[in-house]
Amino acid sequence: MKKYRFELSLGLIFALLVVVFLWDNLAAVVPQLPVGLLAVCAIALVSVVAPWPERDAEGRIISGPAERYAPKEFALAVAWSVVGIAIIIGLAALLNRERFTKTFDLSQRKINSLSTETVSVLKELKTEIEIYCIPSQDPRERYCDENAQLRRLYSEQSGKIRHAAVSLADPALIQQIRPLGMSRLVLLTKDGGRNEVTGSITETKLTNSILNLTKTKRTVYFLTGNGEHPTSMEGDRNYYAVSEFLRNRAYEVVPHKYDKELPADAQLLIAGPAKVPYNAVVENMFRRFLARGGRLILIVNPYRDPGMPKFFAELGIRLDSTLLVGNQGATAFGKELSRLDPLRPPIVIGEFSRNSDITKAFGVNDVGLADGARPMSFAAPEGEANVLKLKGTPLMSAMHTAPVTLTEEQRNRLSLEGDLRLTADAGFDAKKTYPVALSVEIDAPAKLAEGIPAATIASKDGAAPLSPSTASKDAGKDKITSEVVVVGFDTVALERRLPLTSNIIPLAVAHLYKEKDLITIPTKDFAPKRFKLERNPASYVALFAFILPLITALSGFYIYVRRRSA
């Protein structure tokens, strides 16, 4: 047995290495298999190296003191094992050079590896996701190269994720992906789910984007029952195109009848443009919805009184009594607009505010057309009336328009279709602009629900009553905030001629649907790195030029002496 110790030790060491390299494959067969094989190899190696005495056939010790494992044999075993490891790794890298991406993260904070939170998310992933990187228009920025390492780690961790960089020279693929801009990641699922990650790509952003795409349910409710646009019918004055746009971006579009309370998990409601004034039932629903942190997009029909005067007054919103119509004669541009539609000449929507995320995406020269508009202004109530802590921001203005002052009765008698013959106010300023959309942020929305009847809110678990006191308590506990976006014109009318105003709803939805980060991961730098010797170069010179050669020489001399004496 003694003369075979060297060969056995080599074989057992290689067996240990094979078990370690094939650990995942063996565990896939039987979870305990690699542990058992590793234990067997370790016990066998100890038995070979240990100084067991040799015995004859009758069991008597024939060699006196136990024969120890010769140092030269142990040194040779280790040396040949190291050589064998190098050969195996070299051959693996050579034969798999196109797919060989195994890395070892030796950094102190594991900055080159995905966090345990991300790994757990990817292991539970059931949906296939394609990640496309849309490059920057400036090729010098190398946007996709900067996040390629991070995307590669995600696809290596989960077979459900595939990633690719998109070339600007492939317009067909870009048309298929339909990104909203450049320098971003577009995440797509087979069932039509969609999400985009913009700016500098971090692990937190990408993991949360995957969670929001696969785990959360984003629903947009469209109010019905008061003559609002339907979402399931195609046409020039319907919300079908808008709803399809939202569905393509992983939102669920749900019509909601005005006389029913919104579900408890509802976060965003789009109402209008209504053909009849909203009554107290709708107003109370709006108040309860905002009191618990809801977001509301309210489209005001400029040809109808919206009702709810107290509701608007509490929000600091003043709807002017004028109706903005096409300027048919005061300016050359007004005459040009009147030729587009002699019966109902459109007005121009422009001057988008840069103080809001909703409209800062529009360019300075972008304009849209609308069929009439209702101007409005914001003025927060003063003194004790300002209990909601309001903040108003104008979003856009109408230009090249003529104002017509109307009473509520006159406004409600206007024809919603066909010819419209109105006389503009005398002496109006043809160059004046009128604010026609604004957003109002509410820091203490619970006050909106005080004094109104309690309602039964339908939820996933059944029905749960929500009283004003409950809403107030929850608002104080969680510091709930709400926001209302009021638009004084029909966003889809005339949008086929100049499809810009129809983008206002999707942009407002993206802004108001404030998704919380489900996890937070410390920022890491996943950019490709190179090994550099600039730091303490003298230490590396001493290590490679003196210490390592000396240790190698002394080890060789020691093995040589022990071999001669063995």
Protein backbone atom coordinates (compact mmCIF):
# COMPACT_ATOMS: atom_id res chain seq x y z
CA MET A 1 0.00 0.00 0.00
CA LYS A 2 2.94 2.29 0.77
CA LYS A 3 4.20 2.49 -2.80
CA TYR A 4 0.75 3.53 -4.08
CA ARG A 5 0.23 6.40 -1.67
CA PHE A 6 1.51 8.98 -4.15
CA GLU A 7 -0.80 7.80 -6.94
CA LEU A 8 -3.78 7.53 -4.61
CA SER A 9 -3.19 10.99 -3.15
CA LEU A 10 -3.06 12.49 -6.65
CA GLY A 11 -6.25 10.72 -7.66
CA LEU A 12 -8.08 11.76 -4.51
CA ILE A 13 -7.01 15.40 -4.88
CA PHE A 14 -8.28 15.44 -8.46
CA ALA A 15 -11.49 13.75 -7.32
CA LEU A 16 -11.97 16.54 -4.79
CA LEU A 17 -11.48 19.11 -7.53
CA VAL A 18 -13.96 17.37 -9.83
CA VAL A 19 -16.59 17.34 -7.07
CA VAL A 20 -16.06 21.06 -6.44
CA PHE A 21 -16.23 21.98 -10.15
CA LEU A 22 -19.35 19.85 -10.71
CA TRP A 23 -21.03 20.86 -7.46
CA ASP A 24 -24.14 22.44 -9.04
CA ASN A 25 -24.58 19.56 -11.50
CA LEU A 26 -24.28 16.93 -8.77
CA ALA A 27 -26.64 18.87 -6.50
CA ALA A 28 -29.21 18.94 -9.31
CA VAL A 29 -29.24 15.10 -9.25
CA VAL A 30 -29.38 14.72 -5.47
CA PRO A 31 -28.89 17.76 -3.19
CA GLN A 32 -26.79 15.75 -0.71
CA LEU A 33 -24.65 14.03 -3.39
CA PRO A 34 -21.77 16.57 -3.63
CA VAL A 35 -21.47 16.81 0.15
CA GLY A 36 -21.32 13.01 0.45
CA LEU A 37 -18.72 12.64 -2.31
CA LEU A 38 -16.61 15.41 -0.83
CA ALA A 39 -16.68 13.71 2.57
CA VAL A 40 -15.74 10.34 1.09
CA CYS A 41 -12.79 11.84 -0.84
CA ALA A 42 -11.60 13.76 2.23
CA ILE A 43 -11.76 10.66 4.48
CA ALA A 44 -9.92 8.58 1.87
CA LEU A 45 -7.23 11.23 1.49
CA VAL A 46 -6.69 11.38 5.24
CA SER A 47 -6.41 7.60 5.39
CA VAL A 48 -3.75 7.62 2.66
CA VAL A 49 -1.68 10.44 4.13
CA ALA A 50 -2.05 9.37 7.79
CA PRO A 51 0.85 7.35 9.33
CA TRP A 52 -0.97 4.03 9.58
CA PRO A 53 1.38 1.09 10.50
CA GLU A 54 1.70 -1.77 8.02
CA ARG A 55 0.70 -5.27 9.10
CA ASP A 56 1.37 -8.72 7.71
CA ALA A 57 -1.20 -11.33 6.78
CA GLU A 58 -1.54 -12.35 10.42
CA GLY A 59 -2.13 -8.77 11.54
CA ARG A 60 1.28 -8.16 13.08
CA ILE A 61 3.13 -4.87 12.64
CA ILE A 62 6.06 -5.55 10.34
CA SER A 63 7.59 -2.10 9.99
CA GLY A 64 8.05 -1.04 13.56
CA PRO A 65 7.02 2.59 14.00
CA ALA A 66 4.41 3.82 11.58
CA GLU A 67 5.73 4.78 8.16
CA ARG A 68 5.02 8.43 7.52
CA TYR A 69 3.93 9.79 4.20
CA ALA A 70 7.21 10.88 2.57
CA PRO A 71 7.57 14.67 2.23
CA LYS A 72 8.74 14.30 -1.34
CA GLU A 73 5.58 12.39 -2.23
CA PHE A 74 3.37 14.98 -0.59
CA ALA A 75 5.21 17.84 -2.31
CA LEU A 76 4.96 16.11 -5.66
CA ALA A 77 1.26 15.45 -5.11
CA VAL A 78 0.61 19.12 -4.40
CA ALA A 79 2.81 20.26 -7.28
CA TRP A 80 1.19 17.98 -9.82
CA SER A 81 -2.25 18.94 -8.51
CA VAL A 82 -1.51 22.62 -9.11
CA VAL A 83 -0.28 21.81 -12.60
CA GLY A 84 -3.36 19.72 -13.22
CA ILE A 85 -5.65 22.52 -12.05
CA ALA A 86 -3.91 24.96 -14.40
CA ILE A 87 -4.27 22.55 -17.31
CA ILE A 88 -7.95 21.91 -16.62
CA ILE A 89 -8.80 25.62 -16.27
CA GLY A 90 -6.75 26.47 -19.37
CA LEU A 91 -8.48 23.83 -21.49
CA ALA A 92 -11.91 24.90 -20.17
CA ALA A 93 -11.21 28.53 -21.05
CA LEU A 94 -9.88 27.57 -24.49
CA LEU A 95 -12.75 25.27 -25.41
CA ASN A 96 -15.41 27.63 -24.02
CA ARG A 97 -13.85 30.98 -24.86
CA GLU A 98 -17.08 32.21 -26.44
CA ARG A 99 -19.11 31.45 -23.28
CA PHE A 100 -16.47 31.46 -20.55
CA THR A 101 -17.60 34.25 -18.23
CA LYS A 102 -16.91 32.84 -14.78
CA THR A 103 -15.51 35.54 -12.52
CA PHE A 104 -14.42 35.68 -8.93
CA ASP A 105 -15.36 38.80 -6.98
CA LEU A 106 -12.58 39.46 -4.48
CA SER A 107 -13.62 43.04 -3.71
CA GLN A 108 -14.36 43.87 -0.09
CA ARG A 109 -18.00 44.92 -0.68
CA LYS A 110 -18.64 42.50 -3.58
CA ILE A 111 -19.06 45.45 -5.92
CA ASN A 112 -18.73 43.23 -8.98
CA SER A 113 -21.47 40.79 -7.95
CA LEU A 114 -25.24 40.99 -7.73
CA SER A 115 -26.66 41.42 -4.25
CA THR A 116 -28.55 38.65 -2.46
CA GLU A 117 -31.79 40.62 -2.91
CA THR A 118 -31.41 40.64 -6.68
CA VAL A 119 -30.36 36.99 -6.78
CA SER A 120 -33.48 35.96 -4.84
CA VAL A 121 -35.67 38.00 -7.21
CA LEU A 122 -34.09 36.40 -10.28
CA LYS A 123 -34.37 32.87 -8.85
CA GLU A 124 -38.12 33.35 -8.35
CA LEU A 125 -38.60 34.86 -11.82
CA LYS A 126 -41.21 32.96 -13.84
CA THR A 127 -41.62 35.40 -16.73
CA GLU A 128 -39.20 35.68 -19.63
CA ILE A 129 -37.86 39.23 -19.96
CA GLU A 130 -35.95 40.73 -22.87
CA ILE A 131 -33.76 43.72 -22.01
CA TYR A 132 -32.83 45.98 -24.91
CA CYS A 133 -30.33 48.78 -24.51
CA ILE A 134 -31.10 51.84 -26.64
CA PRO A 135 -27.82 53.71 -27.21
CA SER A 136 -27.23 57.42 -27.00
CA GLN A 137 -27.43 59.52 -30.13
CA ASP A 138 -23.86 60.56 -29.38
CA PRO A 139 -21.69 57.46 -30.04
CA ARG A 140 -18.94 58.90 -27.85
CA GLU A 141 -21.03 58.32 -24.72
CA ARG A 142 -20.92 54.49 -25.09
CA TYR A 143 -24.08 54.21 -23.01
CA CYS A 144 -24.71 50.50 -23.63
CA ASP A 145 -21.08 49.57 -22.95
CA GLU A 146 -21.30 51.14 -19.50
CA ASN A 147 -24.14 48.88 -18.36
CA ALA A 148 -23.26 45.77 -20.40
CA GLN A 149 -21.53 44.11 -17.44
CA LEU A 150 -24.58 44.60 -15.20
CA ARG A 151 -26.95 43.25 -17.84
CA ARG A 152 -24.67 40.26 -18.38
CA LEU A 153 -24.75 39.41 -14.66
CA TYR A 154 -28.57 39.39 -14.74
CA SER A 155 -28.74 37.08 -17.75
CA GLU A 156 -26.13 34.76 -16.23
CA GLN A 157 -28.06 34.53 -12.98
CA SER A 158 -31.41 33.73 -14.62
CA GLY A 159 -32.19 31.92 -17.84
CA LYS A 160 -35.42 33.92 -18.02
CA ILE A 161 -33.53 37.11 -18.89
CA ARG A 162 -31.97 37.89 -22.25
CA HIS A 163 -30.22 41.13 -23.05
CA ALA A 164 -28.98 42.82 -26.18
CA ALA A 165 -27.80 46.20 -27.38
CA VAL A 166 -29.78 47.78 -30.22
CA SER A 167 -28.01 49.38 -33.14
CA LEU A 168 -29.32 52.66 -34.49
CA ALA A 169 -28.69 51.20 -37.93
CA ASP A 170 -31.55 48.72 -37.36
CA PRO A 171 -34.71 50.86 -37.67
CA ALA A 172 -36.97 47.81 -37.91
CA LEU A 173 -35.94 46.57 -34.46
CA ILE A 174 -36.24 50.06 -32.99
CA GLN A 175 -39.74 50.34 -34.45
CA GLN A 176 -40.61 47.00 -32.88
CA ILE A 177 -39.29 48.02 -29.45
CA ARG A 178 -40.74 51.55 -29.66
CA PRO A 179 -38.59 53.30 -27.04
CA LEU A 180 -39.74 56.69 -25.77
CA GLY A 181 -36.26 58.10 -26.26
CA MET A 182 -32.55 57.32 -26.40
CA SER A 183 -30.14 56.26 -23.64
CA ARG A 184 -32.39 53.79 -21.83
CA LEU A 185 -33.19 50.14 -21.22
CA VAL A 186 -36.47 48.72 -22.53
CA LEU A 187 -37.80 45.64 -20.70
CA LEU A 188 -40.35 43.53 -22.59
CA THR A 189 -42.32 40.41 -21.66
CA LYS A 190 -44.10 38.00 -23.98
CA ASP A 191 -47.52 38.95 -22.62
CA GLY A 192 -47.07 42.59 -23.65
CA GLY A 193 -45.60 43.93 -20.43
CA ARG A 194 -43.26 46.85 -20.86
CA ASN A 195 -41.05 49.04 -18.72
CA GLU A 196 -38.21 51.49 -19.35
CA VAL A 197 -35.21 52.41 -17.22
CA THR A 198 -33.56 55.72 -18.05
CA GLY A 199 -30.43 57.51 -16.97
CA SER A 200 -27.52 55.83 -15.27
CA ILE A 201 -28.38 52.15 -14.80
CA THR A 202 -27.94 50.83 -11.26
CA GLU A 203 -28.79 47.49 -9.71
CA THR A 204 -31.54 49.11 -7.65
CA LYS A 205 -33.17 50.62 -10.75
CA LEU A 206 -33.00 47.44 -12.82
CA THR A 207 -34.17 45.06 -10.07
CA ASN A 208 -37.07 47.32 -9.11
CA SER A 209 -38.01 47.64 -12.76
CA ILE A 210 -38.19 43.84 -13.01
CA LEU A 211 -40.27 43.67 -9.82
CA ASN A 212 -42.66 46.38 -11.04
CA LEU A 213 -42.98 44.56 -14.35
CA THR A 214 -43.63 41.09 -12.94
CA LYS A 215 -44.85 41.46 -9.34
CA THR A 216 -46.90 44.63 -9.08
CA LYS A 217 -50.16 45.50 -10.77
CA ARG A 218 -50.50 49.04 -12.09
CA THR A 219 -54.11 49.95 -12.81
CA VAL A 220 -55.54 53.12 -14.34
CA TYR A 221 -59.27 53.66 -13.84
CA PHE A 222 -61.30 55.65 -16.42
CA LEU A 223 -64.53 57.15 -15.11
CA THR A 224 -67.69 56.39 -17.14
CA GLY A 225 -71.38 57.24 -16.95
CA ASN A 226 -71.28 61.01 -17.56
CA GLY A 227 -70.54 60.97 -21.28
CA GLU A 228 -66.76 60.48 -20.96
CA HIS A 229 -64.78 58.95 -23.80
CA PRO A 230 -64.93 55.13 -23.97
CA THR A 231 -61.69 53.14 -23.84
CA SER A 232 -62.80 50.15 -25.93
CA MET A 233 -64.09 51.92 -29.04
CA GLU A 234 -61.88 53.25 -31.79
CA GLY A 235 -62.46 56.76 -33.08
CA ASP A 236 -61.18 60.33 -33.21
CA ARG A 237 -62.77 61.29 -29.90
CA ASN A 238 -62.27 58.13 -27.85
CA TYR A 239 -59.63 56.94 -25.40
CA TYR A 240 -58.92 53.73 -27.30
CA ALA A 241 -55.49 54.85 -28.56
CA VAL A 242 -54.60 56.26 -25.14
CA SER A 243 -55.62 53.04 -23.37
CA GLU A 244 -53.62 50.93 -25.83
CA PHE A 245 -50.62 53.15 -25.23
CA LEU A 246 -50.94 52.56 -21.49
CA ARG A 247 -51.42 48.81 -21.90
CA ASN A 248 -48.24 48.60 -23.93
CA ARG A 249 -46.45 50.07 -20.94
CA ALA A 250 -47.67 47.44 -18.48
CA TYR A 251 -50.69 49.37 -17.17
CA GLU A 252 -54.09 47.77 -16.80
CA VAL A 253 -56.95 49.97 -18.05
CA VAL A 254 -60.26 49.52 -16.21
CA PRO A 255 -63.50 51.48 -16.88
CA HIS A 256 -65.27 52.53 -13.66
CA LYS A 257 -68.92 53.55 -13.32
CA TYR A 258 -69.34 56.85 -11.50
CA ASP A 259 -71.97 55.59 -9.04
CA LYS A 260 -69.66 52.90 -7.60
CA GLU A 261 -66.86 53.47 -5.13
CA LEU A 262 -63.30 52.94 -6.29
CA PRO A 263 -61.49 49.83 -5.00
CA ALA A 264 -59.35 50.31 -1.91
CA ASP A 265 -56.15 49.64 -3.87
CA ALA A 266 -56.95 52.16 -6.63
CA GLN A 267 -54.20 54.72 -7.10
CA LEU A 268 -55.08 56.70 -10.23
CA LEU A 269 -58.35 57.85 -11.80
CA ILE A 270 -58.94 59.66 -15.10
CA ALA A 271 -62.25 61.55 -15.31
CA GLY A 272 -63.71 63.46 -18.22
CA PRO A 273 -64.39 65.23 -20.44
CA ALA A 274 -67.96 64.79 -19.20
CA LYS A 275 -71.04 65.87 -21.15
CA VAL A 276 -73.01 66.67 -17.97
CA PRO A 277 -71.89 68.40 -14.76
CA TYR A 278 -70.59 66.08 -12.06
CA ASN A 279 -73.01 65.70 -9.17
CA ALA A 280 -72.45 65.31 -5.43
CA VAL A 281 -72.00 61.53 -5.74
CA VAL A 282 -68.99 61.96 -8.03
CA GLU A 283 -67.61 64.84 -5.97
CA ASN A 284 -67.74 62.81 -2.75
CA MET A 285 -66.03 59.92 -4.48
CA PHE A 286 -63.26 62.27 -5.66
CA ARG A 287 -62.84 63.60 -2.11
CA ARG A 288 -62.63 60.17 -0.50
CA PHE A 289 -60.26 58.98 -3.20
CA LEU A 290 -57.87 61.92 -2.77
CA ALA A 291 -58.13 61.73 1.03
CA ARG A 292 -56.48 58.32 1.03
CA GLY A 293 -53.68 59.32 -1.31
CA GLY A 294 -55.23 58.86 -4.75
CA ARG A 295 -54.13 60.69 -7.90
CA LEU A 296 -56.72 62.31 -10.15
CA ILE A 297 -56.54 63.48 -13.77
CA LEU A 298 -59.59 65.65 -14.40
CA ILE A 299 -60.31 66.60 -18.03
CA VAL A 300 -62.71 69.56 -18.12
CA ASN A 301 -65.06 69.77 -21.08
CA PRO A 302 -64.75 73.44 -22.17
CA TYR A 303 -68.30 73.33 -23.61
CA ARG A 304 -69.94 72.14 -20.39
CA ASP A 305 -69.95 73.30 -16.78
CA PRO A 306 -68.04 70.64 -14.76
CA GLY A 307 -69.97 71.34 -11.55
CA MET A 308 -68.33 70.84 -8.11
CA PRO A 309 -67.65 74.59 -7.45
CA LYS A 310 -66.79 74.00 -3.78
CA PHE A 311 -64.39 71.21 -4.70
CA PHE A 312 -62.48 73.45 -7.12
CA ALA A 313 -62.47 76.32 -4.64
CA GLU A 314 -60.94 74.19 -1.88
CA LEU A 315 -58.19 73.10 -4.30
CA GLY A 316 -57.47 76.73 -5.20
CA ILE A 317 -58.52 76.23 -8.83
CA ARG A 318 -60.45 79.00 -10.52
CA LEU A 319 -62.14 78.17 -13.83
CA ASP A 320 -62.64 81.31 -15.88
CA SER A 321 -66.05 82.02 -17.33
CA THR A 322 -64.57 82.43 -20.80
CA LEU A 323 -64.38 79.88 -23.59
CA LEU A 324 -61.29 80.00 -25.79
CA VAL A 325 -62.14 79.48 -29.45
CA GLY A 326 -60.25 79.74 -32.71
CA ASN A 327 -58.92 83.17 -33.56
CA GLN A 328 -60.34 83.64 -37.05
CA GLY A 329 -59.29 87.14 -37.92
CA ALA A 330 -57.06 88.99 -35.50
CA THR A 331 -53.84 87.35 -36.68
CA ALA A 332 -52.58 85.67 -39.84
CA PHE A 333 -52.06 82.46 -37.93
CA GLY A 334 -55.67 82.60 -36.71
CA LYS A 335 -56.87 82.82 -40.32
CA GLU A 336 -54.72 79.81 -41.22
CA LEU A 337 -56.23 77.79 -38.38
CA SER A 338 -59.76 78.71 -39.45
CA ARG A 339 -59.07 77.17 -42.87
CA LEU A 340 -58.25 73.82 -41.22
CA ASP A 341 -61.80 73.50 -39.96
CA PRO A 342 -64.25 76.30 -40.96
CA LEU A 343 -66.96 75.00 -38.59
CA ARG A 344 -64.82 74.66 -35.44
CA PRO A 345 -61.40 76.23 -35.97
CA PRO A 346 -58.85 74.74 -33.51
CA ILE A 347 -56.68 76.61 -31.02
CA VAL A 348 -52.98 76.08 -30.28
CA ILE A 349 -51.72 74.48 -27.07
CA GLY A 350 -48.11 75.27 -26.23
CA GLU A 351 -45.73 77.00 -23.80
CA PHE A 352 -45.19 73.83 -21.78
CA SER A 353 -43.93 74.38 -18.25
CA ARG A 354 -40.42 73.20 -17.36
CA ASN A 355 -41.33 73.11 -13.66
CA SER A 356 -43.28 69.84 -13.93
CA ASP A 357 -42.23 66.35 -14.92
CA ILE A 358 -45.46 66.05 -16.86
CA THR A 359 -44.69 68.62 -19.53
CA LYS A 360 -40.93 69.13 -19.48
CA ALA A 361 -40.61 66.35 -22.05
CA PHE A 362 -42.12 68.58 -24.74
CA GLY A 363 -39.79 70.70 -26.82
CA VAL A 364 -39.91 74.47 -26.88
CA ASN A 365 -41.36 74.55 -30.37
CA ASP A 366 -43.87 71.73 -29.92
CA VAL A 367 -47.53 72.64 -30.27
CA GLY A 368 -50.81 70.78 -30.23
CA LEU A 369 -54.29 71.53 -31.45
CA ALA A 370 -57.44 71.50 -29.33
CA ASP A 371 -61.12 72.08 -30.05
CA GLY A 372 -61.70 74.94 -27.60
CA ALA A 373 -60.35 75.27 -24.06
CA ARG A 374 -61.33 76.45 -20.59
CA PRO A 375 -58.73 78.81 -19.06
CA MET A 376 -57.94 78.42 -15.39
CA SER A 377 -55.70 79.77 -12.66
CA PHE A 378 -54.44 78.68 -9.24
CA ALA A 379 -54.54 80.66 -6.03
CA ALA A 380 -54.14 78.85 -2.71
CA PRO A 381 -56.76 79.84 -0.13
CA GLU A 382 -55.41 82.10 2.57
CA GLY A 383 -55.65 81.88 6.35
CA GLU A 384 -57.71 79.11 7.92
CA ALA A 385 -59.06 78.07 4.53
CA ASN A 386 -55.62 76.83 3.47
CA VAL A 387 -55.74 73.57 5.45
CA LEU A 388 -54.73 71.36 2.52
CA LYS A 389 -51.25 72.90 2.07
CA LEU A 390 -51.59 73.27 -1.67
CA LYS A 391 -48.95 73.81 -4.32
CA GLY A 392 -50.06 74.66 -7.84
CA THR A 393 -47.99 74.45 -11.01
CA PRO A 394 -49.18 75.68 -14.45
CA LEU A 395 -48.56 73.05 -17.12
CA MET A 396 -49.45 74.57 -20.49
CA SER A 397 -51.12 77.55 -22.14
CA ALA A 398 -53.30 78.28 -25.15
CA MET A 399 -52.14 80.71 -27.81
CA HIS A 400 -53.70 82.49 -30.81
CA THR A 401 -57.15 82.28 -29.26
CA ALA A 402 -60.20 84.47 -28.86
CA PRO A 403 -62.07 84.49 -25.50
CA VAL A 404 -65.86 84.33 -25.34
CA THR A 405 -67.46 85.09 -21.97
CA LEU A 406 -70.35 82.73 -21.19
CA THR A 407 -72.70 82.06 -18.31
CA GLU A 408 -73.16 78.48 -17.09
CA GLU A 409 -76.53 78.29 -18.80
CA GLN A 410 -75.13 79.54 -22.12
CA ARG A 411 -72.20 77.15 -21.89
CA ASN A 412 -74.38 74.10 -21.29
CA ARG A 413 -76.48 74.94 -24.36
CA LEU A 414 -73.54 74.91 -26.76
CA SER A 415 -73.52 72.24 -29.44
CA LEU A 416 -70.89 69.59 -28.82
CA GLU A 417 -70.72 68.70 -32.51
CA GLY A 418 -70.96 70.57 -35.77
CA ASP A 419 -71.04 74.30 -36.43
CA LEU A 420 -70.09 76.75 -33.68
CA ARG A 421 -70.81 80.44 -34.24
CA LEU A 422 -69.68 82.58 -31.28
CA THR A 423 -68.75 86.22 -31.04
CA ALA A 424 -65.42 86.90 -29.36
CA ASP A 425 -65.15 89.51 -26.62
CA ALA A 426 -64.46 92.95 -27.98
CA GLY A 427 -60.92 94.24 -27.84
CA PHE A 428 -59.23 90.99 -26.87
CA ASP A 429 -55.45 90.73 -27.07
CA ALA A 430 -54.62 88.32 -29.90
CA LYS A 431 -51.11 87.74 -28.49
CA LYS A 432 -52.21 86.86 -24.96
CA THR A 433 -51.72 83.34 -23.63
CA TYR A 434 -54.14 81.62 -21.26
CA PRO A 435 -53.21 78.81 -18.82
CA VAL A 436 -55.36 75.81 -19.68
CA ALA A 437 -53.83 73.04 -17.52
CA LEU A 438 -52.26 72.87 -14.09
CA SER A 439 -51.36 70.39 -11.35
CA VAL A 440 -52.12 70.83 -7.65
CA GLU A 441 -50.20 68.91 -4.99
CA ILE A 442 -52.04 68.32 -1.70
CA ASP A 443 -50.01 67.67 1.46
CA ALA A 444 -52.96 67.09 3.81
CA PRO A 445 -55.71 65.54 1.66
CA ALA A 446 -57.61 63.97 4.59
CA LYS A 447 -59.41 67.28 5.12
CA LEU A 448 -61.18 66.78 1.80
CA ALA A 449 -63.17 63.85 3.24
CA GLU A 450 -64.33 65.58 6.41
CA GLY A 451 -68.07 66.05 6.61
CA ILE A 452 -68.98 63.76 3.72
CA PRO A 453 -70.79 60.42 4.14
CA ALA A 454 -68.71 57.30 4.70
CA ALA A 455 -68.50 54.87 1.82
CA THR A 456 -67.97 51.16 1.38
CA ILE A 457 -64.80 50.55 -0.59
CA ALA A 458 -64.54 47.31 -2.52
CA SER A 459 -61.21 45.61 -1.98
CA LYS A 460 -59.51 42.34 -2.83
CA ASP A 461 -60.56 40.86 0.50
CA GLY A 462 -64.18 41.91 0.21
CA ALA A 463 -65.68 45.18 1.35
CA ALA A 464 -64.23 47.49 3.98
CA PRO A 465 -65.84 50.72 5.22
CA LEU A 466 -63.80 53.89 4.96
CA SER A 467 -64.95 56.82 7.05
CA PRO A 468 -63.54 60.35 6.96
CA SER A 469 -62.01 59.84 10.40
CA THR A 470 -60.27 56.70 9.21
CA ALA A 471 -58.88 58.51 6.20
CA SER A 472 -57.68 61.36 8.39
CA LYS A 473 -55.98 58.98 10.80
CA ASP A 474 -54.23 57.11 8.00
CA ALA A 475 -53.15 60.34 6.39
CA GLY A 476 -51.56 61.57 9.60
CA LYS A 477 -49.83 58.25 10.15
CA ASP A 478 -48.35 57.71 6.72
CA LYS A 479 -48.05 61.38 5.65
CA ILE A 480 -50.27 60.79 2.62
CA THR A 481 -50.07 63.26 -0.26
CA SER A 482 -52.30 63.56 -3.30
CA GLU A 483 -52.18 65.36 -6.61
CA VAL A 484 -54.79 66.56 -9.08
CA VAL A 485 -54.05 67.38 -12.71
CA VAL A 486 -56.75 69.54 -14.29
CA VAL A 487 -56.82 69.96 -18.08
CA GLY A 488 -59.23 72.45 -19.62
CA PHE A 489 -59.58 70.92 -23.09
CA ASP A 490 -60.25 67.59 -24.78
CA THR A 491 -56.85 65.93 -25.12
CA VAL A 492 -57.87 63.62 -27.98
CA ALA A 493 -59.87 65.98 -30.19
CA LEU A 494 -57.97 66.82 -33.39
CA GLU A 495 -55.07 64.69 -32.17
CA ARG A 496 -54.84 62.84 -35.48
CA ARG A 497 -53.86 66.05 -37.20
CA LEU A 498 -51.17 66.93 -34.72
CA PRO A 499 -50.86 64.05 -32.21
CA LEU A 500 -49.24 65.88 -29.32
CA THR A 501 -51.95 66.71 -26.80
CA SER A 502 -52.91 63.01 -26.59
CA ASN A 503 -49.51 62.39 -24.98
CA ILE A 504 -50.49 64.48 -21.98
CA ILE A 505 -52.45 61.66 -20.35
CA PRO A 506 -49.67 59.01 -20.60
CA LEU A 507 -47.12 61.52 -19.33
CA ALA A 508 -49.38 62.51 -16.45
CA VAL A 509 -49.97 58.83 -15.62
CA ALA A 510 -46.24 58.15 -15.55
CA HIS A 511 -45.74 61.12 -13.26
CA LEU A 512 -48.65 60.50 -10.91
CA TYR A 513 -48.25 56.74 -10.65
CA LYS A 514 -45.34 57.13 -8.29
CA GLU A 515 -43.91 53.64 -7.97
CA LYS A 516 -41.98 53.02 -4.78
CA ASP A 517 -38.68 51.18 -4.89
CA LEU A 518 -39.46 47.74 -3.51
CA ILE A 519 -35.83 47.16 -2.53
CA THR A 520 -32.81 49.39 -2.04
CA ILE A 521 -29.34 48.15 -2.94
CA PRO A 522 -26.11 50.06 -2.25
CA THR A 523 -24.71 51.61 -5.39
CA LYS A 524 -22.03 49.56 -7.12
CA ASP A 525 -19.78 50.23 -10.09
CA PHE A 526 -20.33 47.48 -12.64
CA ALA A 527 -18.19 49.10 -15.33
CA PRO A 528 -15.42 46.90 -16.78
CA LYS A 529 -12.19 47.22 -14.83
CA ARG A 530 -8.54 46.34 -15.49
CA PHE A 531 -5.86 45.19 -13.11
CA LYS A 532 -3.43 48.05 -12.63
CA LEU A 533 -0.09 48.32 -10.82
CA GLU A 534 -0.07 52.07 -10.31
CA ARG A 535 -0.80 51.76 -6.59
CA ASN A 536 2.34 50.87 -4.56
CA PRO A 537 4.38 49.63 -7.56
CA ALA A 538 7.46 49.01 -5.36
CA SER A 539 5.54 46.36 -3.42
CA TYR A 540 4.67 44.48 -6.61
CA VAL A 541 8.27 44.65 -7.83
CA ALA A 542 9.54 43.20 -4.53
CA LEU A 543 6.90 40.48 -4.63
CA PHE A 544 7.50 39.32 -8.21
CA ALA A 545 11.24 40.01 -8.46
CA PHE A 546 12.44 38.81 -5.04
CA ILE A 547 9.95 37.15 -2.68
CA LEU A 548 8.27 34.69 -5.06
CA PRO A 549 11.52 33.52 -6.78
CA LEU A 550 13.19 33.06 -3.38
CA ILE A 551 10.29 31.01 -2.02
CA THR A 552 10.27 28.88 -5.17
CA ALA A 553 14.01 28.24 -4.96
CA LEU A 554 13.92 27.34 -1.26
CA SER A 555 10.94 25.02 -1.82
CA GLY A 556 12.76 23.23 -4.62
CA PHE A 557 15.95 22.88 -2.55
CA TYR A 558 13.96 21.53 0.41
CA ILE A 559 12.22 18.94 -1.75
CA TYR A 560 15.57 17.95 -3.30
CA VAL A 561 17.18 17.40 0.13
CA ARG A 562 14.24 15.40 1.43
CA ARG A 563 14.22 13.22 -1.66
CA ARG A 564 17.91 12.40 -1.30
CA SER A 565 17.46 11.48 2.36
CA ALA A 566 14.32 9.41 1.80
